Amino acid sequence: MERILRKYGARVVCVRPDFTVFESSGHTEDTEELVKKLSEYNLVEFVRGARVAIMKESEGFHKRLKEFEYKEPGEEVIENEFLEKGEKIFTM
């Protein structure tokens, strides 16, 4: 498992007797490959986050970013159908 995680740049975040949490970031193709590899070991759940950027206000950068998004739009956002279910689905 350690070799697989190292190969994909993933790391262990939490180890408990009943579950383990891994974290990885990268391109969609890379994370899909990691998920496929981990599914051989009974991967139970996979969550993908979005890109996050935090910066001070910058009008020039913002304008260039909007132009880039217009020229090269990202993937369509798919809402999580379980998000509003709360405790009906997730318990700890």
PDB file of N, CA and C in Angstrom:
ATOM      1  N   MET A   1       0.838  -1.186   0.000  1.00  0.00           N
ATOM      2  CA  MET A   1       0.000   0.000   0.000  1.00  0.00           C
ATOM      3  C   MET A   1       0.877   1.242   0.000  1.00  0.00           C
ATOM      4  N   GLU A   2       1.950   1.208   0.773  1.00  0.00           N
ATOM      5  CA  GLU A   2       2.847   2.363   0.848  1.00  0.00           C
ATOM      6  C   GLU A   2       3.443   2.700  -0.529  1.00  0.00           C
ATOM      7  N   ARG A   3       3.813   1.691  -1.288  1.00  0.00           N
ATOM      8  CA  ARG A   3       4.360   1.923  -2.627  1.00  0.00           C
ATOM      9  C   ARG A   3       3.314   2.555  -3.546  1.00  0.00           C
ATOM     10  N   ILE A   4       2.079   2.104  -3.451  1.00  0.00           N
ATOM     11  CA  ILE A   4       1.004   2.662  -4.286  1.00  0.00           C
ATOM     12  C   ILE A   4       0.795   4.137  -3.938  1.00  0.00           C
ATOM     13  N   LEU A   5       0.698   4.432  -2.657  1.00  0.00           N
ATOM     14  CA  LEU A   5       0.479   5.816  -2.229  1.00  0.00           C
ATOM     15  C   LEU A   5       1.633   6.707  -2.669  1.00  0.00           C
ATOM     16  N   ARG A   6       2.848   6.225  -2.515  1.00  0.00           N
ATOM     17  CA  ARG A   6       4.013   7.005  -2.920  1.00  0.00           C
ATOM     18  C   ARG A   6       4.011   7.248  -4.426  1.00  0.00           C
ATOM     19  N   LYS A   7       3.660   6.231  -5.200  1.00  0.00           N
ATOM     20  CA  LYS A   7       3.637   6.349  -6.660  1.00  0.00           C
ATOM     21  C   LYS A   7       2.697   7.463  -7.119  1.00  0.00           C
ATOM     22  N   TYR A   8       1.553   7.615  -6.456  1.00  0.00           N
ATOM     23  CA  TYR A   8       0.552   8.597  -6.849  1.00  0.00           C
ATOM     24  C   TYR A   8       0.620   9.882  -6.016  1.00  0.00           C
ATOM     25  N   GLY A   9       1.628  10.012  -5.169  1.00  0.00           N
ATOM     26  CA  GLY A   9       1.776  11.224  -4.371  1.00  0.00           C
ATOM     27  C   GLY A   9       0.712  11.379  -3.299  1.00  0.00           C
ATOM     28  N   ALA A  10       0.104  10.273  -2.890  1.00  0.00           N
ATOM     29  CA  ALA A  10      -0.936  10.311  -1.857  1.00  0.00           C
ATOM     30  C   ALA A  10      -0.286  10.163  -0.483  1.00  0.00           C
ATOM     31  N   ARG A  11      -1.031  10.495   0.544  1.00  0.00           N
ATOM     32  CA  ARG A  11      -0.523  10.336   1.906  1.00  0.00           C
ATOM     33  C   ARG A  11      -1.636   9.866   2.830  1.00  0.00           C
ATOM     34  N   VAL A  12      -1.240   9.245   3.917  1.00  0.00           N
ATOM     35  CA  VAL A  12      -2.197   8.779   4.922  1.00  0.00           C
ATOM     36  C   VAL A  12      -2.530   9.955   5.830  1.00  0.00           C
ATOM     37  N   VAL A  13      -3.813  10.220   6.011  1.00  0.00           N
ATOM     38  CA  VAL A  13      -4.272  11.312   6.858  1.00  0.00           C
ATOM     39  C   VAL A  13      -4.683  10.795   8.224  1.00  0.00           C
ATOM     40  N   CYS A  14      -5.335   9.641   8.240  1.00  0.00           N
ATOM     41  CA  CYS A  14      -5.893   9.115   9.487  1.00  0.00           C
ATOM     42  C   CYS A  14      -5.951   7.588   9.407  1.00  0.00           C
ATOM     43  N   VAL A  15      -5.524   6.919  10.482  1.00  0.00           N
ATOM     44  CA  VAL A  15      -5.620   5.457  10.551  1.00  0.00           C
ATOM     45  C   VAL A  15      -6.377   5.095  11.819  1.00  0.00           C
ATOM     46  N   ARG A  16      -7.465   4.372  11.651  1.00  0.00           N
ATOM     47  CA  ARG A  16      -8.289   3.904  12.766  1.00  0.00           C
ATOM     48  C   ARG A  16      -8.518   2.402  12.572  1.00  0.00           C
ATOM     49  N   PRO A  17      -8.962   1.708  13.613  1.00  0.00           N
ATOM     50  CA  PRO A  17      -9.203   0.266  13.471  1.00  0.00           C
ATOM     51  C   PRO A  17     -10.234  -0.075  12.394  1.00  0.00           C
ATOM     52  N   ASP A  18     -11.222   0.803  12.177  1.00  0.00           N
ATOM     53  CA  ASP A  18     -12.288   0.480  11.230  1.00  0.00           C
ATOM     54  C   ASP A  18     -12.209   1.250   9.913  1.00  0.00           C
ATOM     55  N   PHE A  19     -11.277   2.198   9.772  1.00  0.00           N
ATOM     56  CA  PHE A  19     -11.128   2.904   8.506  1.00  0.00           C
ATOM     57  C   PHE A  19      -9.774   3.598   8.423  1.00  0.00           C
ATOM     58  N   THR A  20      -9.383   3.927   7.208  1.00  0.00           N
ATOM     59  CA  THR A  20      -8.173   4.689   6.934  1.00  0.00           C
ATOM     60  C   THR A  20      -8.517   5.750   5.907  1.00  0.00           C
ATOM     61  N   VAL A  21      -7.981   6.951   6.077  1.00  0.00           N
ATOM     62  CA  VAL A  21      -8.239   8.044   5.151  1.00  0.00           C
ATOM     63  C   VAL A  21      -6.939   8.403   4.442  1.00  0.00           C
ATOM     64  N   PHE A  22      -7.001   8.450   3.098  1.00  0.00           N
ATOM     65  CA  PHE A  22      -5.875   8.874   2.279  1.00  0.00           C
ATOM     66  C   PHE A  22      -6.215  10.207   1.644  1.00  0.00           C
ATOM     67  N   GLU A  23      -5.192  10.984   1.336  1.00  0.00           N
ATOM     68  CA  GLU A  23      -5.384  12.264   0.659  1.00  0.00           C
ATOM     69  C   GLU A  23      -4.460  12.301  -0.540  1.00  0.00           C
ATOM     70  N   SER A  24      -4.997  12.794  -1.648  1.00  0.00           N
ATOM     71  CA  SER A  24      -4.200  12.927  -2.853  1.00  0.00           C
ATOM     72  C   SER A  24      -4.711  14.118  -3.652  1.00  0.00           C
ATOM     73  N   SER A  25      -3.833  14.758  -4.373  1.00  0.00           N
ATOM     74  CA  SER A  25      -4.262  15.839  -5.256  1.00  0.00           C
ATOM     75  C   SER A  25      -3.568  15.655  -6.593  1.00  0.00           C
ATOM     76  N   GLY A  26      -4.181  16.181  -7.623  1.00  0.00           N
ATOM     77  CA  GLY A  26      -3.587  16.060  -8.946  1.00  0.00           C
ATOM     78  C   GLY A  26      -4.637  16.123 -10.021  1.00  0.00           C
ATOM     79  N   HIS A  27      -4.216  15.798 -11.219  1.00  0.00           N
ATOM     80  CA  HIS A  27      -5.123  15.806 -12.359  1.00  0.00           C
ATOM     81  C   HIS A  27      -6.141  14.673 -12.241  1.00  0.00           C
ATOM     82  N   THR A  28      -7.293  14.857 -12.864  1.00  0.00           N
ATOM     83  CA  THR A  28      -8.378  13.882 -12.801  1.00  0.00           C
ATOM     84  C   THR A  28      -7.898  12.489 -13.211  1.00  0.00           C
ATOM     85  N   GLU A  29      -7.111  12.431 -14.274  1.00  0.00           N
ATOM     86  CA  GLU A  29      -6.635  11.132 -14.763  1.00  0.00           C
ATOM     87  C   GLU A  29      -5.808  10.415 -13.690  1.00  0.00           C
ATOM     88  N   ASP A  30      -4.962  11.180 -12.981  1.00  0.00           N
ATOM     89  CA  ASP A  30      -4.113  10.590 -11.948  1.00  0.00           C
ATOM     90  C   ASP A  30      -4.937  10.075 -10.777  1.00  0.00           C
ATOM     91  N   THR A  31      -5.904  10.876 -10.332  1.00  0.00           N
ATOM     92  CA  THR A  31      -6.709  10.432  -9.196  1.00  0.00           C
ATOM     93  C   THR A  31      -7.605   9.257  -9.581  1.00  0.00           C
ATOM     94  N   GLU A  32      -8.094   9.259 -10.819  1.00  0.00           N
ATOM     95  CA  GLU A  32      -8.905   8.120 -11.277  1.00  0.00           C
ATOM     96  C   GLU A  32      -8.063   6.838 -11.281  1.00  0.00           C
ATOM     97  N   GLU A  33      -6.817   6.965 -11.684  1.00  0.00           N
ATOM     98  CA  GLU A  33      -5.917   5.808 -11.701  1.00  0.00           C
ATOM     99  C   GLU A  33      -5.674   5.297 -10.275  1.00  0.00           C
ATOM    100  N   LEU A  34      -5.495   6.229  -9.336  1.00  0.00           N
ATOM    101  CA  LEU A  34      -5.303   5.852  -7.938  1.00  0.00           C
ATOM    102  C   LEU A  34      -6.553   5.166  -7.387  1.00  0.00           C
ATOM    103  N   VAL A  35      -7.729   5.702  -7.687  1.00  0.00           N
ATOM    104  CA  VAL A  35      -8.977   5.100  -7.224  1.00  0.00           C
ATOM    105  C   VAL A  35      -9.117   3.685  -7.781  1.00  0.00           C
ATOM    106  N   LYS A  36      -8.795   3.520  -9.043  1.00  0.00           N
ATOM    107  CA  LYS A  36      -8.871   2.190  -9.667  1.00  0.00           C
ATOM    108  C   LYS A  36      -7.938   1.216  -8.953  1.00  0.00           C
ATOM    109  N   LYS A  37      -6.736   1.677  -8.651  1.00  0.00           N
ATOM    110  CA  LYS A  37      -5.762   0.822  -7.973  1.00  0.00           C
ATOM    111  C   LYS A  37      -6.241   0.489  -6.553  1.00  0.00           C
ATOM    112  N   LEU A  38      -6.772   1.479  -5.836  1.00  0.00           N
ATOM    113  CA  LEU A  38      -7.237   1.237  -4.463  1.00  0.00           C
ATOM    114  C   LEU A  38      -8.498   0.380  -4.424  1.00  0.00           C
ATOM    115  N   SER A  39      -9.281   0.387  -5.504  1.00  0.00           N
ATOM    116  CA  SER A  39     -10.493  -0.433  -5.528  1.00  0.00           C
ATOM    117  C   SER A  39     -10.148  -1.920  -5.471  1.00  0.00           C
ATOM    118  N   GLU A  40      -8.943  -2.260  -5.878  1.00  0.00           N
ATOM    119  CA  GLU A  40      -8.483  -3.656  -5.756  1.00  0.00           C
ATOM    120  C   GLU A  40      -8.362  -4.062  -4.286  1.00  0.00           C
ATOM    121  N   TYR A  41      -8.289  -3.056  -3.409  1.00  0.00           N
ATOM    122  CA  TYR A  41      -8.173  -3.301  -1.975  1.00  0.00           C
ATOM    123  C   TYR A  41      -9.453  -2.911  -1.245  1.00  0.00           C
ATOM    124  N   ASN A  42     -10.573  -3.000  -1.939  1.00  0.00           N
ATOM    125  CA  ASN A  42     -11.898  -2.725  -1.373  1.00  0.00           C
ATOM    126  C   ASN A  42     -12.087  -1.288  -0.911  1.00  0.00           C
ATOM    127  N   LEU A  43     -11.690  -0.344  -1.746  1.00  0.00           N
ATOM    128  CA  LEU A  43     -11.963   1.058  -1.485  1.00  0.00           C
ATOM    129  C   LEU A  43     -13.471   1.215  -1.319  1.00  0.00           C
ATOM    130  N   VAL A  44     -13.898   1.818  -0.235  1.00  0.00           N
ATOM    131  CA  VAL A  44     -15.321   1.926   0.063  1.00  0.00           C
ATOM    132  C   VAL A  44     -15.894   3.244  -0.419  1.00  0.00           C
ATOM    133  N   GLU A  45     -15.172   4.335  -0.240  1.00  0.00           N
ATOM    134  CA  GLU A  45     -15.730   5.650  -0.554  1.00  0.00           C
ATOM    135  C   GLU A  45     -14.644   6.536  -1.139  1.00  0.00           C
ATOM    136  N   PHE A  46     -15.040   7.363  -2.083  1.00  0.00           N
ATOM    137  CA  PHE A  46     -14.122   8.297  -2.721  1.00  0.00           C
ATOM    138  C   PHE A  46     -14.801   9.647  -2.838  1.00  0.00           C
ATOM    139  N   VAL A  47     -14.117  10.708  -2.441  1.00  0.00           N
ATOM    140  CA  VAL A  47     -14.670  12.054  -2.513  1.00  0.00           C
ATOM    141  C   VAL A  47     -13.701  12.923  -3.285  1.00  0.00           C
ATOM    142  N   ARG A  48     -14.224  13.636  -4.284  1.00  0.00           N
ATOM    143  CA  ARG A  48     -13.382  14.544  -5.052  1.00  0.00           C
ATOM    144  C   ARG A  48     -13.771  15.976  -4.703  1.00  0.00           C
ATOM    145  N   GLY A  49     -12.772  16.784  -4.406  1.00  0.00           N
ATOM    146  CA  GLY A  49     -13.002  18.194  -4.112  1.00  0.00           C
ATOM    147  C   GLY A  49     -12.698  19.035  -5.341  1.00  0.00           C
ATOM    148  N   ALA A  50     -12.975  20.299  -5.237  1.00  0.00           N
ATOM    149  CA  ALA A  50     -12.722  21.219  -6.343  1.00  0.00           C
ATOM    150  C   ALA A  50     -11.450  22.014  -6.074  1.00  0.00           C
ATOM    151  N   ARG A  51     -11.024  22.732  -7.076  1.00  0.00           N
ATOM    152  CA  ARG A  51      -9.872  23.611  -6.909  1.00  0.00           C
ATOM    153  C   ARG A  51     -10.251  24.751  -5.974  1.00  0.00           C
ATOM    154  N   VAL A  52      -9.292  25.121  -5.146  1.00  0.00           N
ATOM    155  CA  VAL A  52      -9.528  26.206  -4.208  1.00  0.00           C
ATOM    156  C   VAL A  52      -8.350  27.172  -4.301  1.00  0.00           C
ATOM    157  N   ALA A  53      -8.650  28.447  -4.404  1.00  0.00           N
ATOM    158  CA  ALA A  53      -7.602  29.467  -4.425  1.00  0.00           C
ATOM    159  C   ALA A  53      -8.022  30.598  -3.497  1.00  0.00           C
ATOM    160  N   ILE A  54      -7.090  31.060  -2.703  1.00  0.00           N
ATOM    161  CA  ILE A  54      -7.352  32.170  -1.805  1.00  0.00           C
ATOM    162  C   ILE A  54      -6.270  33.210  -2.067  1.00  0.00           C
ATOM    163  N   MET A  55      -6.710  34.430  -2.364  1.00  0.00           N
ATOM    164  CA  MET A  55      -5.742  35.482  -2.629  1.00  0.00           C
ATOM    165  C   MET A  55      -6.358  36.843  -2.338  1.00  0.00           C
ATOM    166  N   LYS A  56      -5.506  37.824  -2.238  1.00  0.00           N
ATOM    167  CA  LYS A  56      -5.983  39.187  -2.052  1.00  0.00           C
ATOM    168  C   LYS A  56      -6.603  39.666  -3.354  1.00  0.00           C
ATOM    169  N   GLU A  57      -7.429  40.671  -3.259  1.00  0.00           N
ATOM    170  CA  GLU A  57      -8.106  41.215  -4.432  1.00  0.00           C
ATOM    171  C   GLU A  57      -7.085  41.684  -5.464  1.00  0.00           C
ATOM    172  N   SER A  58      -7.313  41.311  -6.706  1.00  0.00           N
ATOM    173  CA  SER A  58      -6.410  41.692  -7.783  1.00  0.00           C
ATOM    174  C   SER A  58      -7.220  41.813  -9.054  1.00  0.00           C
ATOM    175  N   GLU A  59      -7.529  43.034  -9.455  1.00  0.00           N
ATOM    176  CA  GLU A  59      -8.388  43.250 -10.622  1.00  0.00           C
ATOM    177  C   GLU A  59      -7.782  42.675 -11.889  1.00  0.00           C
ATOM    178  N   GLY A  60      -6.496  42.869 -12.117  1.00  0.00           N
ATOM    179  CA  GLY A  60      -5.841  42.359 -13.322  1.00  0.00           C
ATOM    180  C   GLY A  60      -5.880  40.847 -13.397  1.00  0.00           C
ATOM    181  N   PHE A  61      -5.567  40.205 -12.276  1.00  0.00           N
ATOM    182  CA  PHE A  61      -5.589  38.742 -12.248  1.00  0.00           C
ATOM    183  C   PHE A  61      -7.000  38.224 -12.465  1.00  0.00           C
ATOM    184  N   HIS A  62      -7.965  38.856 -11.809  1.00  0.00           N
ATOM    185  CA  HIS A  62      -9.363  38.440 -11.926  1.00  0.00           C
ATOM    186  C   HIS A  62      -9.829  38.522 -13.386  1.00  0.00           C
ATOM    187  N   LYS A  63      -9.469  39.598 -14.061  1.00  0.00           N
ATOM    188  CA  LYS A  63      -9.848  39.770 -15.469  1.00  0.00           C
ATOM    189  C   LYS A  63      -9.240  38.672 -16.332  1.00  0.00           C
ATOM    190  N   ARG A  64      -7.961  38.373 -16.131  1.00  0.00           N
ATOM    191  CA  ARG A  64      -7.305  37.305 -16.913  1.00  0.00           C
ATOM    192  C   ARG A  64      -7.917  35.943 -16.611  1.00  0.00           C
ATOM    193  N   LEU A  65      -8.260  35.713 -15.349  1.00  0.00           N
ATOM    194  CA  LEU A  65      -8.881  34.449 -14.968  1.00  0.00           C
ATOM    195  C   LEU A  65     -10.231  34.273 -15.655  1.00  0.00           C
ATOM    196  N   LYS A  66     -11.038  35.324 -15.680  1.00  0.00           N
ATOM    197  CA  LYS A  66     -12.339  35.264 -16.358  1.00  0.00           C
ATOM    198  C   LYS A  66     -12.158  34.995 -17.852  1.00  0.00           C
ATOM    199  N   GLU A  67     -11.177  35.631 -18.481  1.00  0.00           N
ATOM    200  CA  GLU A  67     -10.899  35.387 -19.901  1.00  0.00           C
ATOM    201  C   GLU A  67     -10.499  33.934 -20.127  1.00  0.00           C
ATOM    202  N   PHE A  68      -9.665  33.402 -19.247  1.00  0.00           N
ATOM    203  CA  PHE A  68      -9.234  32.011 -19.360  1.00  0.00           C
ATOM    204  C   PHE A  68     -10.423  31.067 -19.203  1.00  0.00           C
ATOM    205  N   GLU A  69     -11.280  31.319 -18.211  1.00  0.00           N
ATOM    206  CA  GLU A  69     -12.451  30.471 -17.997  1.00  0.00           C
ATOM    207  C   GLU A  69     -13.385  30.496 -19.198  1.00  0.00           C
ATOM    208  N   TYR A  70     -13.477  31.650 -19.846  1.00  0.00           N
ATOM    209  CA  TYR A  70     -14.323  31.775 -21.029  1.00  0.00           C
ATOM    210  C   TYR A  70     -13.744  30.962 -22.195  1.00  0.00           C
ATOM    211  N   LYS A  71     -12.432  31.027 -22.373  1.00  0.00           N
ATOM    212  CA  LYS A  71     -11.771  30.316 -23.473  1.00  0.00           C
ATOM    213  C   LYS A  71     -11.697  28.810 -23.218  1.00  0.00           C
ATOM    214  N   GLU A  72     -11.453  28.437 -21.973  1.00  0.00           N
ATOM    215  CA  GLU A  72     -11.293  27.023 -21.615  1.00  0.00           C
ATOM    216  C   GLU A  72     -12.153  26.698 -20.395  1.00  0.00           C
ATOM    217  N   PRO A  73     -13.457  26.525 -20.603  1.00  0.00           N
ATOM    218  CA  PRO A  73     -14.333  26.241 -19.460  1.00  0.00           C
ATOM    219  C   PRO A  73     -13.982  24.902 -18.802  1.00  0.00           C
ATOM    220  N   GLY A  74     -14.186  24.850 -17.484  1.00  0.00           N
ATOM    221  CA  GLY A  74     -13.913  23.619 -16.743  1.00  0.00           C
ATOM    222  C   GLY A  74     -15.047  22.626 -16.903  1.00  0.00           C
ATOM    223  N   GLU A  75     -14.881  21.480 -16.235  1.00  0.00           N
ATOM    224  CA  GLU A  75     -15.903  20.445 -16.270  1.00  0.00           C
ATOM    225  C   GLU A  75     -17.171  20.939 -15.581  1.00  0.00           C
ATOM    226  N   GLU A  76     -18.300  20.419 -16.007  1.00  0.00           N
ATOM    227  CA  GLU A  76     -19.570  20.771 -15.391  1.00  0.00           C
ATOM    228  C   GLU A  76     -19.604  20.245 -13.958  1.00  0.00           C
ATOM    229  N   VAL A  77     -20.073  21.076 -13.047  1.00  0.00           N
ATOM    230  CA  VAL A  77     -20.150  20.689 -11.640  1.00  0.00           C
ATOM    231  C   VAL A  77     -21.331  19.752 -11.447  1.00  0.00           C
ATOM    232  N   ILE A  78     -21.078  18.638 -10.775  1.00  0.00           N
ATOM    233  CA  ILE A  78     -22.138  17.682 -10.470  1.00  0.00           C
ATOM    234  C   ILE A  78     -22.397  17.762  -8.975  1.00  0.00           C
ATOM    235  N   GLU A  79     -23.600  18.139  -8.612  1.00  0.00           N
ATOM    236  CA  GLU A  79     -23.943  18.289  -7.203  1.00  0.00           C
ATOM    237  C   GLU A  79     -24.000  16.925  -6.515  1.00  0.00           C
ATOM    238  N   ASN A  80     -23.670  16.905  -5.245  1.00  0.00           N
ATOM    239  CA  ASN A  80     -23.707  15.695  -4.442  1.00  0.00           C
ATOM    240  C   ASN A  80     -25.156  15.434  -4.024  1.00  0.00           C
ATOM    241  N   GLU A  81     -25.714  14.332  -4.500  1.00  0.00           N
ATOM    242  CA  GLU A  81     -27.114  14.031  -4.217  1.00  0.00           C
ATOM    243  C   GLU A  81     -27.364  13.728  -2.739  1.00  0.00           C
ATOM    244  N   PHE A  82     -26.309  13.444  -1.975  1.00  0.00           N
ATOM    245  CA  PHE A  82     -26.457  13.097  -0.570  1.00  0.00           C
ATOM    246  C   PHE A  82     -26.200  14.277   0.357  1.00  0.00           C
ATOM    247  N   LEU A  83     -25.821  15.422  -0.183  1.00  0.00           N
ATOM    248  CA  LEU A  83     -25.388  16.562   0.613  1.00  0.00           C
ATOM    249  C   LEU A  83     -26.420  17.006   1.638  1.00  0.00           C
ATOM    250  N   GLU A  84     -27.678  17.031   1.284  1.00  0.00           N
ATOM    251  CA  GLU A  84     -28.716  17.518   2.188  1.00  0.00           C
ATOM    252  C   GLU A  84     -29.304  16.422   3.091  1.00  0.00           C
ATOM    253  N   LYS A  85     -28.805  15.200   2.994  1.00  0.00           N
ATOM    254  CA  LYS A  85     -29.361  14.086   3.771  1.00  0.00           C
ATOM    255  C   LYS A  85     -28.834  14.067   5.200  1.00  0.00           C
ATOM    256  N   GLY A  86     -27.665  14.662   5.448  1.00  0.00           N
ATOM    257  CA  GLY A  86     -27.114  14.784   6.782  1.00  0.00           C
ATOM    258  C   GLY A  86     -26.982  13.476   7.519  1.00  0.00           C
ATOM    259  N   GLU A  87     -27.501  13.433   8.737  1.00  0.00           N
ATOM    260  CA  GLU A  87     -27.345  12.285   9.608  1.00  0.00           C
ATOM    261  C   GLU A  87     -28.088  11.036   9.139  1.00  0.00           C
ATOM    262  N   LYS A  88     -28.968  11.173   8.167  1.00  0.00           N
ATOM    263  CA  LYS A  88     -29.668  10.013   7.646  1.00  0.00           C
ATOM    264  C   LYS A  88     -28.697   9.067   6.943  1.00  0.00           C
ATOM    265  N   ILE A  89     -27.578   9.613   6.475  1.00  0.00           N
ATOM    266  CA  ILE A  89     -26.617   8.795   5.742  1.00  0.00           C
ATOM    267  C   ILE A  89     -25.304   8.663   6.498  1.00  0.00           C
ATOM    268  N   PHE A  90     -24.771   9.772   6.987  1.00  0.00           N
ATOM    269  CA  PHE A  90     -23.446   9.757   7.595  1.00  0.00           C
ATOM    270  C   PHE A  90     -23.545   9.811   9.109  1.00  0.00           C
ATOM    271  N   THR A  91     -22.867   8.893   9.747  1.00  0.00           N
ATOM    272  CA  THR A  91     -22.786   8.896  11.212  1.00  0.00           C
ATOM    273  C   THR A  91     -21.359   8.612  11.609  1.00  0.00           C
ATOM    274  N   MET A  92     -20.979   9.050  12.786  1.00  0.00           N
ATOM    275  CA  MET A  92     -19.615   8.805  13.278  1.00  0.00           C
ATOM    276  C   MET A  92     -19.687   8.243  14.675  1.00  0.00           C
TER     277      MET A  92
END
